[in-house]
Structure formats: structure tokens, C-alpha cells
Amino acid sequence: MIELEFRPMTSEDWPAVEEIYRAGIATGQATFEAAPPASWSEFDMSKRPDLRLVAIDPSGKLLGWVAASPVSSRAVYRGVVEHSIYIHPEASGQGVGTRLLAALLELADRVGVWTVQSSIFPENTASLKLHESAGFRVVGRRDRIAKMSYGPQQGTWRDTILIERRANQA
């Protein structure tokens, strides 16, 4: 198993985070987005600062990242976030995602988040299995929720699977 350090994501991580994000986008199975945010500032504004982590190997290479965004500005939803997790292609299948997601969930519990959710393409079976093993449950399927805006599937309606994980106290 790869030795990893998990630490908060900083602006200095942005080039590696962006590279891994682009690799995920290129698969056509990670997001509806055609490109990562244009800058660290744009990325930073959309994510909770206390819920951003990176996984670093002993050589200092960033192997993955996870970040969460509030689902609403309404106070009653302050403990509900939507997360994204991306793993460097070279680290795929080596347990990085499992450990990084566990670190996010532990952090989310500590900061008072009671629901962590995400939407995953049904074809992304690896991500669905990862989340199931971390205690997420399928809430539902959103049929034809949005069209792909890039790549060979551009203009194609896609479904997503809505998943969530509730904290023990929720």
C-alpha cells in the first residue's frame, strides 16, 4: 500500500489539482464540466476551505484530491455538502481514493457536516463502488439530468446516480 500524507489543499497545489481534474474530465465519466475552473481563485470560491484535502506520496507527488461545496446558502442546509474526488491516473486502484474519501468523511464529521452527497454517472462503477464501501447509499437516479458539453458524447443527455452519506449523529 502506498504511504500517503493527507493535508489541507492550498493554492500551491493548484497546478497538480488542475492536472488531475483534467485527466478525470478526459475520461468522460467524471463530470459534466468541459474544463477545470480557470484559476485557483475560481476553484477556491466554490469550495469550503475546511473541506479540501490532498493526498501526497513520500516523494511529494500529489496523487489525489477531494473537495466539498455547500449545497445551499440557506442556514438550515449548513451541514449538507456535495463533494468531488479525483485520483491521479497512475494511482488508480491503489487505495488512494478509499483513504482520501475516509479522511474527508472524518473531517466532515468533525466540522459538523451531517450529509455528504454527490452525483455520479452510472457508468462510473469504480466511483460507485468506492462510495458504497465508504457508507454512501443510493438516494435515486436522475434521468437525463443534463447534456454533455464536450467530447464524443457532446449533446448527449446523461443520467446520474445521487448518493449520500449521513453522519452518525444525523
N, C-alpha and C. Protein backbone atom coordinates (compact mmCIF):
# COMPACT_ATOMS: atom_id res chain seq x y z
N MET A 1 0.84 -1.17 0.00
CA MET A 1 0.00 0.00 0.00
C MET A 1 0.89 1.25 0.00
N ILE A 2 0.51 2.21 -0.79
CA ILE A 2 1.26 3.45 -0.90
C ILE A 2 1.17 4.23 0.41
N GLU A 3 2.30 4.72 0.87
CA GLU A 3 2.31 5.60 2.05
C GLU A 3 1.80 6.96 1.60
N LEU A 4 0.87 7.52 2.36
CA LEU A 4 0.28 8.80 2.00
C LEU A 4 0.21 9.75 3.17
N GLU A 5 0.29 11.02 2.86
CA GLU A 5 0.02 12.09 3.81
C GLU A 5 -1.21 12.81 3.29
N PHE A 6 -2.14 13.12 4.18
CA PHE A 6 -3.32 13.91 3.82
C PHE A 6 -3.18 15.25 4.51
N ARG A 7 -3.35 16.32 3.73
CA ARG A 7 -3.25 17.65 4.29
C ARG A 7 -4.23 18.58 3.57
N PRO A 8 -4.50 19.75 4.17
CA PRO A 8 -5.39 20.69 3.50
C PRO A 8 -4.82 21.14 2.16
N MET A 9 -5.69 21.31 1.20
CA MET A 9 -5.30 21.80 -0.12
C MET A 9 -5.00 23.30 -0.02
N THR A 10 -3.93 23.72 -0.72
CA THR A 10 -3.56 25.14 -0.75
C THR A 10 -3.45 25.60 -2.21
N SER A 11 -3.29 26.88 -2.37
CA SER A 11 -3.15 27.44 -3.72
C SER A 11 -1.92 26.87 -4.43
N GLU A 12 -0.89 26.50 -3.68
CA GLU A 12 0.31 25.93 -4.29
C GLU A 12 0.03 24.56 -4.93
N ASP A 13 -1.04 23.91 -4.50
CA ASP A 13 -1.41 22.61 -5.05
C ASP A 13 -2.17 22.73 -6.37
N TRP A 14 -2.61 23.94 -6.71
CA TRP A 14 -3.50 24.11 -7.86
C TRP A 14 -2.97 23.49 -9.16
N PRO A 15 -1.71 23.66 -9.55
CA PRO A 15 -1.28 23.04 -10.82
C PRO A 15 -1.50 21.52 -10.85
N ALA A 16 -1.18 20.83 -9.77
CA ALA A 16 -1.37 19.37 -9.72
C ALA A 16 -2.85 19.02 -9.63
N VAL A 17 -3.62 19.78 -8.85
CA VAL A 17 -5.06 19.55 -8.74
C VAL A 17 -5.70 19.72 -10.11
N GLU A 18 -5.34 20.79 -10.81
CA GLU A 18 -5.89 21.04 -12.14
C GLU A 18 -5.53 19.92 -13.12
N GLU A 19 -4.30 19.44 -13.05
CA GLU A 19 -3.87 18.35 -13.94
C GLU A 19 -4.70 17.09 -13.70
N ILE A 20 -4.90 16.74 -12.44
CA ILE A 20 -5.69 15.55 -12.11
C ILE A 20 -7.15 15.76 -12.51
N TYR A 21 -7.65 16.95 -12.31
CA TYR A 21 -9.03 17.29 -12.71
C TYR A 21 -9.17 17.11 -14.23
N ARG A 22 -8.21 17.62 -15.00
CA ARG A 22 -8.26 17.48 -16.46
C ARG A 22 -8.25 16.00 -16.88
N ALA A 23 -7.44 15.20 -16.20
CA ALA A 23 -7.39 13.77 -16.52
C ALA A 23 -8.75 13.12 -16.26
N GLY A 24 -9.41 13.50 -15.19
CA GLY A 24 -10.74 12.98 -14.90
C GLY A 24 -11.75 13.40 -15.95
N ILE A 25 -11.70 14.66 -16.34
CA ILE A 25 -12.59 15.18 -17.38
C ILE A 25 -12.40 14.40 -18.68
N ALA A 26 -11.16 14.11 -19.01
CA ALA A 26 -10.84 13.42 -20.27
C ALA A 26 -11.48 12.03 -20.35
N THR A 27 -11.79 11.42 -19.23
CA THR A 27 -12.42 10.09 -19.26
C THR A 27 -13.87 10.16 -19.75
N GLY A 28 -14.49 11.33 -19.63
CA GLY A 28 -15.90 11.47 -19.98
C GLY A 28 -16.84 10.84 -18.97
N GLN A 29 -16.31 10.37 -17.84
CA GLN A 29 -17.13 9.69 -16.83
C GLN A 29 -17.09 10.36 -15.47
N ALA A 30 -16.47 11.54 -15.39
CA ALA A 30 -16.28 12.17 -14.08
C ALA A 30 -17.17 13.38 -13.83
N THR A 31 -17.50 14.12 -14.87
CA THR A 31 -18.20 15.39 -14.67
C THR A 31 -18.84 15.86 -15.97
N PHE A 32 -19.81 16.73 -15.83
CA PHE A 32 -20.39 17.41 -16.99
C PHE A 32 -19.49 18.55 -17.44
N GLU A 33 -18.58 18.99 -16.59
CA GLU A 33 -17.71 20.13 -16.90
C GLU A 33 -16.77 19.79 -18.05
N ALA A 34 -16.56 20.76 -18.93
CA ALA A 34 -15.65 20.57 -20.07
C ALA A 34 -14.21 20.90 -19.71
N ALA A 35 -14.01 21.64 -18.62
CA ALA A 35 -12.67 22.05 -18.21
C ALA A 35 -12.70 22.40 -16.73
N PRO A 36 -11.55 22.32 -16.08
CA PRO A 36 -11.48 22.76 -14.68
C PRO A 36 -11.75 24.26 -14.60
N PRO A 37 -11.96 24.77 -13.41
CA PRO A 37 -12.06 26.22 -13.26
C PRO A 37 -10.82 26.89 -13.87
N ALA A 38 -10.98 28.12 -14.30
CA ALA A 38 -9.90 28.83 -15.00
C ALA A 38 -8.73 29.19 -14.09
N SER A 39 -8.96 29.21 -12.78
CA SER A 39 -7.90 29.63 -11.86
C SER A 39 -8.14 29.04 -10.47
N TRP A 40 -7.09 29.12 -9.65
CA TRP A 40 -7.23 28.72 -8.26
C TRP A 40 -8.32 29.55 -7.59
N SER A 41 -8.34 30.82 -7.86
CA SER A 41 -9.32 31.72 -7.24
C SER A 41 -10.75 31.27 -7.54
N GLU A 42 -11.01 30.90 -8.77
CA GLU A 42 -12.35 30.42 -9.14
C GLU A 42 -12.68 29.11 -8.41
N PHE A 43 -11.73 28.19 -8.37
CA PHE A 43 -11.90 26.92 -7.66
C PHE A 43 -12.14 27.19 -6.18
N ASP A 44 -11.29 28.03 -5.61
CA ASP A 44 -11.33 28.34 -4.18
C ASP A 44 -12.68 28.92 -3.76
N MET A 45 -13.24 29.78 -4.56
CA MET A 45 -14.51 30.42 -4.23
C MET A 45 -15.68 29.44 -4.20
N SER A 46 -15.55 28.31 -4.91
CA SER A 46 -16.66 27.37 -4.99
C SER A 46 -16.59 26.24 -3.97
N LYS A 47 -15.52 26.17 -3.22
CA LYS A 47 -15.30 25.07 -2.26
C LYS A 47 -15.17 25.59 -0.84
N ARG A 48 -15.61 24.76 0.11
CA ARG A 48 -15.41 25.11 1.52
C ARG A 48 -13.93 24.95 1.86
N PRO A 49 -13.29 25.97 2.40
CA PRO A 49 -11.87 25.89 2.73
C PRO A 49 -11.55 24.79 3.73
N ASP A 50 -12.49 24.49 4.63
CA ASP A 50 -12.24 23.48 5.66
C ASP A 50 -12.50 22.06 5.17
N LEU A 51 -12.94 21.91 3.93
CA LEU A 51 -13.24 20.57 3.40
C LEU A 51 -12.55 20.33 2.06
N ARG A 52 -11.24 20.60 2.05
CA ARG A 52 -10.41 20.36 0.86
C ARG A 52 -9.14 19.65 1.32
N LEU A 53 -8.90 18.48 0.77
CA LEU A 53 -7.71 17.70 1.14
C LEU A 53 -6.98 17.22 -0.09
N VAL A 54 -5.69 17.02 0.06
CA VAL A 54 -4.88 16.37 -0.97
C VAL A 54 -4.18 15.17 -0.37
N ALA A 55 -3.89 14.20 -1.22
CA ALA A 55 -3.11 13.02 -0.84
C ALA A 55 -1.74 13.14 -1.50
N ILE A 56 -0.70 13.09 -0.68
CA ILE A 56 0.68 13.27 -1.14
C ILE A 56 1.48 12.02 -0.83
N ASP A 57 2.26 11.55 -1.83
CA ASP A 57 3.12 10.38 -1.58
C ASP A 57 4.44 10.84 -0.96
N PRO A 58 5.30 9.89 -0.52
CA PRO A 58 6.55 10.28 0.16
C PRO A 58 7.48 11.15 -0.68
N SER A 59 7.37 11.07 -2.01
CA SER A 59 8.21 11.90 -2.87
C SER A 59 7.67 13.32 -3.01
N GLY A 60 6.46 13.56 -2.48
CA GLY A 60 5.85 14.88 -2.58
C GLY A 60 4.87 15.01 -3.73
N LYS A 61 4.64 13.92 -4.46
CA LYS A 61 3.72 13.97 -5.60
C LYS A 61 2.27 13.94 -5.11
N LEU A 62 1.46 14.81 -5.66
CA LEU A 62 0.05 14.86 -5.32
C LEU A 62 -0.66 13.76 -6.12
N LEU A 63 -1.28 12.81 -5.41
CA LEU A 63 -1.92 11.66 -6.06
C LEU A 63 -3.44 11.74 -6.12
N GLY A 64 -4.01 12.70 -5.41
CA GLY A 64 -5.46 12.84 -5.45
C GLY A 64 -5.91 14.02 -4.63
N TRP A 65 -7.15 14.40 -4.88
CA TRP A 65 -7.73 15.49 -4.12
C TRP A 65 -9.22 15.26 -3.93
N VAL A 66 -9.75 15.88 -2.89
CA VAL A 66 -11.18 15.83 -2.59
C VAL A 66 -11.56 17.21 -2.06
N ALA A 67 -12.74 17.67 -2.45
CA ALA A 67 -13.21 18.97 -2.00
C ALA A 67 -14.73 18.95 -1.96
N ALA A 68 -15.29 19.79 -1.10
CA ALA A 68 -16.74 19.84 -0.95
C ALA A 68 -17.24 21.28 -1.04
N SER A 69 -18.45 21.40 -1.56
CA SER A 69 -19.12 22.69 -1.72
C SER A 69 -20.43 22.66 -0.96
N PRO A 70 -20.85 23.80 -0.44
CA PRO A 70 -22.17 23.84 0.19
C PRO A 70 -23.24 23.60 -0.89
N VAL A 71 -24.33 22.93 -0.51
CA VAL A 71 -25.40 22.71 -1.48
C VAL A 71 -26.38 23.88 -1.51
N SER A 72 -26.34 24.72 -0.48
CA SER A 72 -27.25 25.84 -0.39
C SER A 72 -26.66 26.89 0.53
N SER A 73 -27.04 28.14 0.33
CA SER A 73 -26.63 29.21 1.22
C SER A 73 -27.58 29.34 2.41
N ARG A 74 -28.67 28.60 2.39
CA ARG A 74 -29.65 28.66 3.49
C ARG A 74 -29.07 28.00 4.75
N ALA A 75 -29.26 28.64 5.88
CA ALA A 75 -28.69 28.16 7.14
C ALA A 75 -29.12 26.74 7.49
N VAL A 76 -30.34 26.36 7.15
CA VAL A 76 -30.81 25.02 7.51
C VAL A 76 -30.04 23.91 6.80
N TYR A 77 -29.34 24.25 5.72
CA TYR A 77 -28.55 23.26 4.97
C TYR A 77 -27.05 23.41 5.23
N ARG A 78 -26.67 24.09 6.31
CA ARG A 78 -25.26 24.35 6.57
C ARG A 78 -24.44 23.06 6.74
N GLY A 79 -25.07 21.97 7.08
CA GLY A 79 -24.38 20.71 7.28
C GLY A 79 -24.51 19.74 6.11
N VAL A 80 -24.86 20.27 4.94
CA VAL A 80 -25.01 19.43 3.75
C VAL A 80 -24.05 19.94 2.68
N VAL A 81 -23.20 19.03 2.18
CA VAL A 81 -22.22 19.40 1.16
C VAL A 81 -22.24 18.39 0.02
N GLU A 82 -21.79 18.85 -1.13
CA GLU A 82 -21.57 17.97 -2.28
C GLU A 82 -20.08 17.91 -2.51
N HIS A 83 -19.56 16.70 -2.67
CA HIS A 83 -18.12 16.56 -2.80
C HIS A 83 -17.74 16.00 -4.17
N SER A 84 -16.46 16.22 -4.49
CA SER A 84 -15.83 15.64 -5.68
C SER A 84 -14.52 15.02 -5.23
N ILE A 85 -14.18 13.90 -5.84
CA ILE A 85 -12.90 13.26 -5.55
C ILE A 85 -12.27 12.83 -6.87
N TYR A 86 -10.99 13.14 -7.02
CA TYR A 86 -10.25 12.82 -8.24
C TYR A 86 -8.91 12.21 -7.85
N ILE A 87 -8.54 11.14 -8.53
CA ILE A 87 -7.30 10.43 -8.26
C ILE A 87 -6.43 10.46 -9.52
N HIS A 88 -5.13 10.67 -9.32
CA HIS A 88 -4.20 10.66 -10.45
C HIS A 88 -4.30 9.31 -11.15
N PRO A 89 -4.36 9.29 -12.48
CA PRO A 89 -4.49 8.00 -13.18
C PRO A 89 -3.44 6.97 -12.79
N GLU A 90 -2.22 7.41 -12.50
CA GLU A 90 -1.15 6.47 -12.13
C GLU A 90 -1.39 5.84 -10.76
N ALA A 91 -2.24 6.45 -9.94
CA ALA A 91 -2.51 5.94 -8.60
C ALA A 91 -3.82 5.18 -8.52
N SER A 92 -4.52 5.08 -9.62
CA SER A 92 -5.82 4.41 -9.65
C SER A 92 -5.69 2.95 -9.21
N GLY A 93 -6.64 2.50 -8.39
CA GLY A 93 -6.66 1.11 -7.95
C GLY A 93 -5.68 0.77 -6.85
N GLN A 94 -5.07 1.78 -6.24
CA GLN A 94 -4.06 1.53 -5.21
C GLN A 94 -4.51 1.97 -3.81
N GLY A 95 -5.80 2.20 -3.65
CA GLY A 95 -6.33 2.54 -2.35
C GLY A 95 -6.27 4.01 -1.98
N VAL A 96 -5.81 4.85 -2.90
CA VAL A 96 -5.70 6.28 -2.62
C VAL A 96 -7.10 6.86 -2.42
N GLY A 97 -8.02 6.53 -3.31
CA GLY A 97 -9.39 7.05 -3.22
C GLY A 97 -10.08 6.63 -1.94
N THR A 98 -9.92 5.39 -1.55
CA THR A 98 -10.54 4.88 -0.33
C THR A 98 -10.07 5.66 0.88
N ARG A 99 -8.78 5.85 0.99
CA ARG A 99 -8.21 6.54 2.15
C ARG A 99 -8.48 8.04 2.12
N LEU A 100 -8.47 8.64 0.94
CA LEU A 100 -8.75 10.07 0.82
C LEU A 100 -10.21 10.36 1.15
N LEU A 101 -11.11 9.53 0.67
CA LEU A 101 -12.53 9.71 0.99
C LEU A 101 -12.77 9.52 2.49
N ALA A 102 -12.13 8.54 3.09
CA ALA A 102 -12.27 8.33 4.53
C ALA A 102 -11.78 9.56 5.31
N ALA A 103 -10.68 10.15 4.84
CA ALA A 103 -10.15 11.35 5.51
C ALA A 103 -11.14 12.51 5.39
N LEU A 104 -11.77 12.65 4.23
CA LEU A 104 -12.78 13.71 4.08
C LEU A 104 -13.96 13.48 5.01
N LEU A 105 -14.44 12.26 5.08
CA LEU A 105 -15.61 11.97 5.92
C LEU A 105 -15.30 12.20 7.40
N GLU A 106 -14.11 11.83 7.82
CA GLU A 106 -13.70 12.08 9.20
C GLU A 106 -13.66 13.59 9.48
N LEU A 107 -13.11 14.34 8.54
CA LEU A 107 -13.05 15.79 8.67
C LEU A 107 -14.46 16.39 8.66
N ALA A 108 -15.31 15.92 7.77
CA ALA A 108 -16.69 16.42 7.69
C ALA A 108 -17.41 16.20 9.01
N ASP A 109 -17.23 15.04 9.60
CA ASP A 109 -17.86 14.76 10.90
C ASP A 109 -17.38 15.75 11.96
N ARG A 110 -16.08 16.05 11.96
CA ARG A 110 -15.50 16.96 12.96
C ARG A 110 -16.02 18.39 12.82
N VAL A 111 -16.32 18.82 11.58
CA VAL A 111 -16.73 20.21 11.38
C VAL A 111 -18.25 20.37 11.33
N GLY A 112 -18.99 19.30 11.67
CA GLY A 112 -20.43 19.42 11.79
C GLY A 112 -21.24 19.18 10.53
N VAL A 113 -20.64 18.55 9.55
CA VAL A 113 -21.39 18.19 8.34
C VAL A 113 -22.17 16.93 8.63
N TRP A 114 -23.46 16.93 8.32
CA TRP A 114 -24.26 15.73 8.58
C TRP A 114 -24.63 14.96 7.31
N THR A 115 -24.50 15.59 6.14
CA THR A 115 -24.76 14.88 4.89
C THR A 115 -23.70 15.25 3.86
N VAL A 116 -23.04 14.24 3.32
CA VAL A 116 -22.11 14.42 2.21
C VAL A 116 -22.75 13.71 1.03
N GLN A 117 -22.92 14.43 -0.06
CA GLN A 117 -23.58 13.83 -1.22
C GLN A 117 -22.75 14.04 -2.48
N SER A 118 -23.14 13.34 -3.53
CA SER A 118 -22.51 13.50 -4.84
C SER A 118 -23.43 12.92 -5.90
N SER A 119 -23.19 13.32 -7.12
CA SER A 119 -23.88 12.73 -8.27
C SER A 119 -22.82 12.07 -9.14
N ILE A 120 -23.05 10.82 -9.49
CA ILE A 120 -22.07 10.03 -10.22
C ILE A 120 -22.73 9.43 -11.46
N PHE A 121 -22.02 9.46 -12.58
CA PHE A 121 -22.55 8.81 -13.77
C PHE A 121 -22.68 7.31 -13.50
N PRO A 122 -23.78 6.68 -13.92
CA PRO A 122 -23.96 5.25 -13.66
C PRO A 122 -22.85 4.38 -14.25
N GLU A 123 -22.23 4.85 -15.30
CA GLU A 123 -21.14 4.10 -15.94
C GLU A 123 -19.85 4.13 -15.12
N ASN A 124 -19.75 5.03 -14.17
CA ASN A 124 -18.55 5.16 -13.35
C ASN A 124 -18.64 4.18 -12.17
N THR A 125 -18.57 2.92 -12.50
CA THR A 125 -18.77 1.86 -11.50
C THR A 125 -17.69 1.88 -10.41
N ALA A 126 -16.47 2.26 -10.76
CA ALA A 126 -15.41 2.31 -9.75
C ALA A 126 -15.75 3.33 -8.67
N SER A 127 -16.25 4.50 -9.06
CA SER A 127 -16.62 5.52 -8.08
C SER A 127 -17.82 5.08 -7.26
N LEU A 128 -18.78 4.46 -7.89
CA LEU A 128 -19.95 3.97 -7.15
C LEU A 128 -19.54 2.93 -6.11
N LYS A 129 -18.63 2.02 -6.48
CA LYS A 129 -18.16 1.01 -5.53
C LYS A 129 -17.36 1.65 -4.39
N LEU A 130 -16.52 2.61 -4.73
CA LEU A 130 -15.74 3.33 -3.72
C LEU A 130 -16.66 3.95 -2.68
N HIS A 131 -17.67 4.65 -3.16
CA HIS A 131 -18.58 5.33 -2.24
C HIS A 131 -19.44 4.36 -1.44
N GLU A 132 -19.87 3.29 -2.06
CA GLU A 132 -20.64 2.28 -1.32
C GLU A 132 -19.81 1.72 -0.18
N SER A 133 -18.53 1.44 -0.45
CA SER A 133 -17.67 0.88 0.60
C SER A 133 -17.41 1.88 1.72
N ALA A 134 -17.61 3.19 1.45
CA ALA A 134 -17.41 4.22 2.46
C ALA A 134 -18.70 4.56 3.20
N GLY A 135 -19.77 3.81 2.93
CA GLY A 135 -21.02 4.02 3.66
C GLY A 135 -22.05 4.89 2.96
N PHE A 136 -21.81 5.24 1.72
CA PHE A 136 -22.80 6.01 0.96
C PHE A 136 -23.92 5.09 0.51
N ARG A 137 -25.09 5.67 0.37
CA ARG A 137 -26.24 4.92 -0.15
C ARG A 137 -26.80 5.65 -1.36
N VAL A 138 -27.40 4.90 -2.25
CA VAL A 138 -28.04 5.49 -3.41
C VAL A 138 -29.37 6.08 -2.96
N VAL A 139 -29.57 7.34 -3.27
CA VAL A 139 -30.81 8.04 -2.95
C VAL A 139 -31.76 7.97 -4.14
N GLY A 140 -31.19 8.00 -5.33
CA GLY A 140 -32.03 7.93 -6.53
C GLY A 140 -31.22 8.11 -7.80
N ARG A 141 -31.94 8.02 -8.88
CA ARG A 141 -31.36 8.19 -10.20
C ARG A 141 -32.01 9.40 -10.84
N ARG A 142 -31.19 10.28 -11.37
CA ARG A 142 -31.69 11.45 -12.10
C ARG A 142 -31.56 11.16 -13.59
N ASP A 143 -32.67 10.86 -14.21
CA ASP A 143 -32.67 10.53 -15.63
C ASP A 143 -32.51 11.79 -16.46
N ARG A 144 -31.60 11.72 -17.43
CA ARG A 144 -31.41 12.81 -18.39
C ARG A 144 -31.35 14.18 -17.69
N ILE A 145 -30.50 14.26 -16.69
CA ILE A 145 -30.41 15.47 -15.86
C ILE A 145 -29.71 16.62 -16.58
N ALA A 146 -28.75 16.30 -17.46
CA ALA A 146 -28.02 17.34 -18.20
C ALA A 146 -27.35 16.73 -19.42
N LYS A 147 -26.97 17.62 -20.35
CA LYS A 147 -26.27 17.17 -21.56
C LYS A 147 -24.77 17.37 -21.41
N MET A 148 -24.03 16.43 -21.99
CA MET A 148 -22.58 16.58 -22.03
C MET A 148 -22.24 17.76 -22.92
N SER A 149 -21.26 18.54 -22.48
CA SER A 149 -20.90 19.76 -23.22
C SER A 149 -19.58 19.62 -23.97
N TYR A 150 -19.02 18.42 -23.99
CA TYR A 150 -17.71 18.24 -24.63
C TYR A 150 -17.53 16.79 -25.07
N GLY A 151 -16.50 16.57 -25.86
CA GLY A 151 -16.07 15.22 -26.23
C GLY A 151 -17.02 14.48 -27.14
N PRO A 152 -16.77 13.19 -27.29
CA PRO A 152 -17.57 12.38 -28.20
C PRO A 152 -19.04 12.29 -27.82
N GLN A 153 -19.35 12.53 -26.55
CA GLN A 153 -20.73 12.46 -26.08
C GLN A 153 -21.40 13.84 -26.05
N GLN A 154 -20.75 14.85 -26.62
CA GLN A 154 -21.30 16.20 -26.60
C GLN A 154 -22.74 16.20 -27.11
N GLY A 155 -23.61 16.85 -26.34
CA GLY A 155 -25.03 16.94 -26.71
C GLY A 155 -25.86 15.76 -26.24
N THR A 156 -25.22 14.75 -25.66
CA THR A 156 -25.94 13.56 -25.19
C THR A 156 -26.45 13.80 -23.77
N TRP A 157 -27.72 13.48 -23.57
CA TRP A 157 -28.28 13.54 -22.22
C TRP A 157 -27.65 12.44 -21.39
N ARG A 158 -27.33 12.75 -20.12
CA ARG A 158 -26.73 11.76 -19.23
C ARG A 158 -27.55 11.66 -17.95
N ASP A 159 -27.57 10.47 -17.41
CA ASP A 159 -28.17 10.21 -16.10
C ASP A 159 -27.08 10.34 -15.04
N THR A 160 -27.51 10.57 -13.81
CA THR A 160 -26.59 10.49 -12.68
C THR A 160 -27.26 9.72 -11.55
N ILE A 161 -26.43 9.13 -10.73
CA ILE A 161 -26.88 8.44 -9.52
C ILE A 161 -26.58 9.38 -8.35
N LEU A 162 -27.61 9.74 -7.60
CA LEU A 162 -27.44 10.60 -6.43
C LEU A 162 -27.15 9.73 -5.23
N ILE A 163 -26.04 10.00 -4.58
CA ILE A 163 -25.64 9.23 -3.41
C ILE A 163 -25.47 10.16 -2.22
N GLU A 164 -25.59 9.59 -1.02
CA GLU A 164 -25.33 10.38 0.18
C GLU A 164 -24.80 9.50 1.29
N ARG A 165 -24.12 10.16 2.20
CA ARG A 165 -23.64 9.52 3.43
C ARG A 165 -24.03 10.43 4.58
N ARG A 166 -24.74 9.87 5.53
CA ARG A 166 -25.17 10.62 6.70
C ARG A 166 -24.21 10.36 7.85
N ALA A 167 -23.92 11.40 8.59
CA ALA A 167 -23.09 11.25 9.77
C ALA A 167 -23.85 10.45 10.82
N ASN A 168 -23.14 9.84 11.73
CA ASN A 168 -23.79 9.01 12.76
C ASN A 168 -24.76 9.78 13.62
N GLN A 169 -24.50 11.06 13.85
CA GLN A 169 -25.37 11.84 14.70
C GLN A 169 -26.61 12.36 13.97
N ALA A 170 -26.65 12.25 12.64
CA ALA A 170 -27.78 12.80 11.86
C ALA A 170 -29.02 11.94 12.00
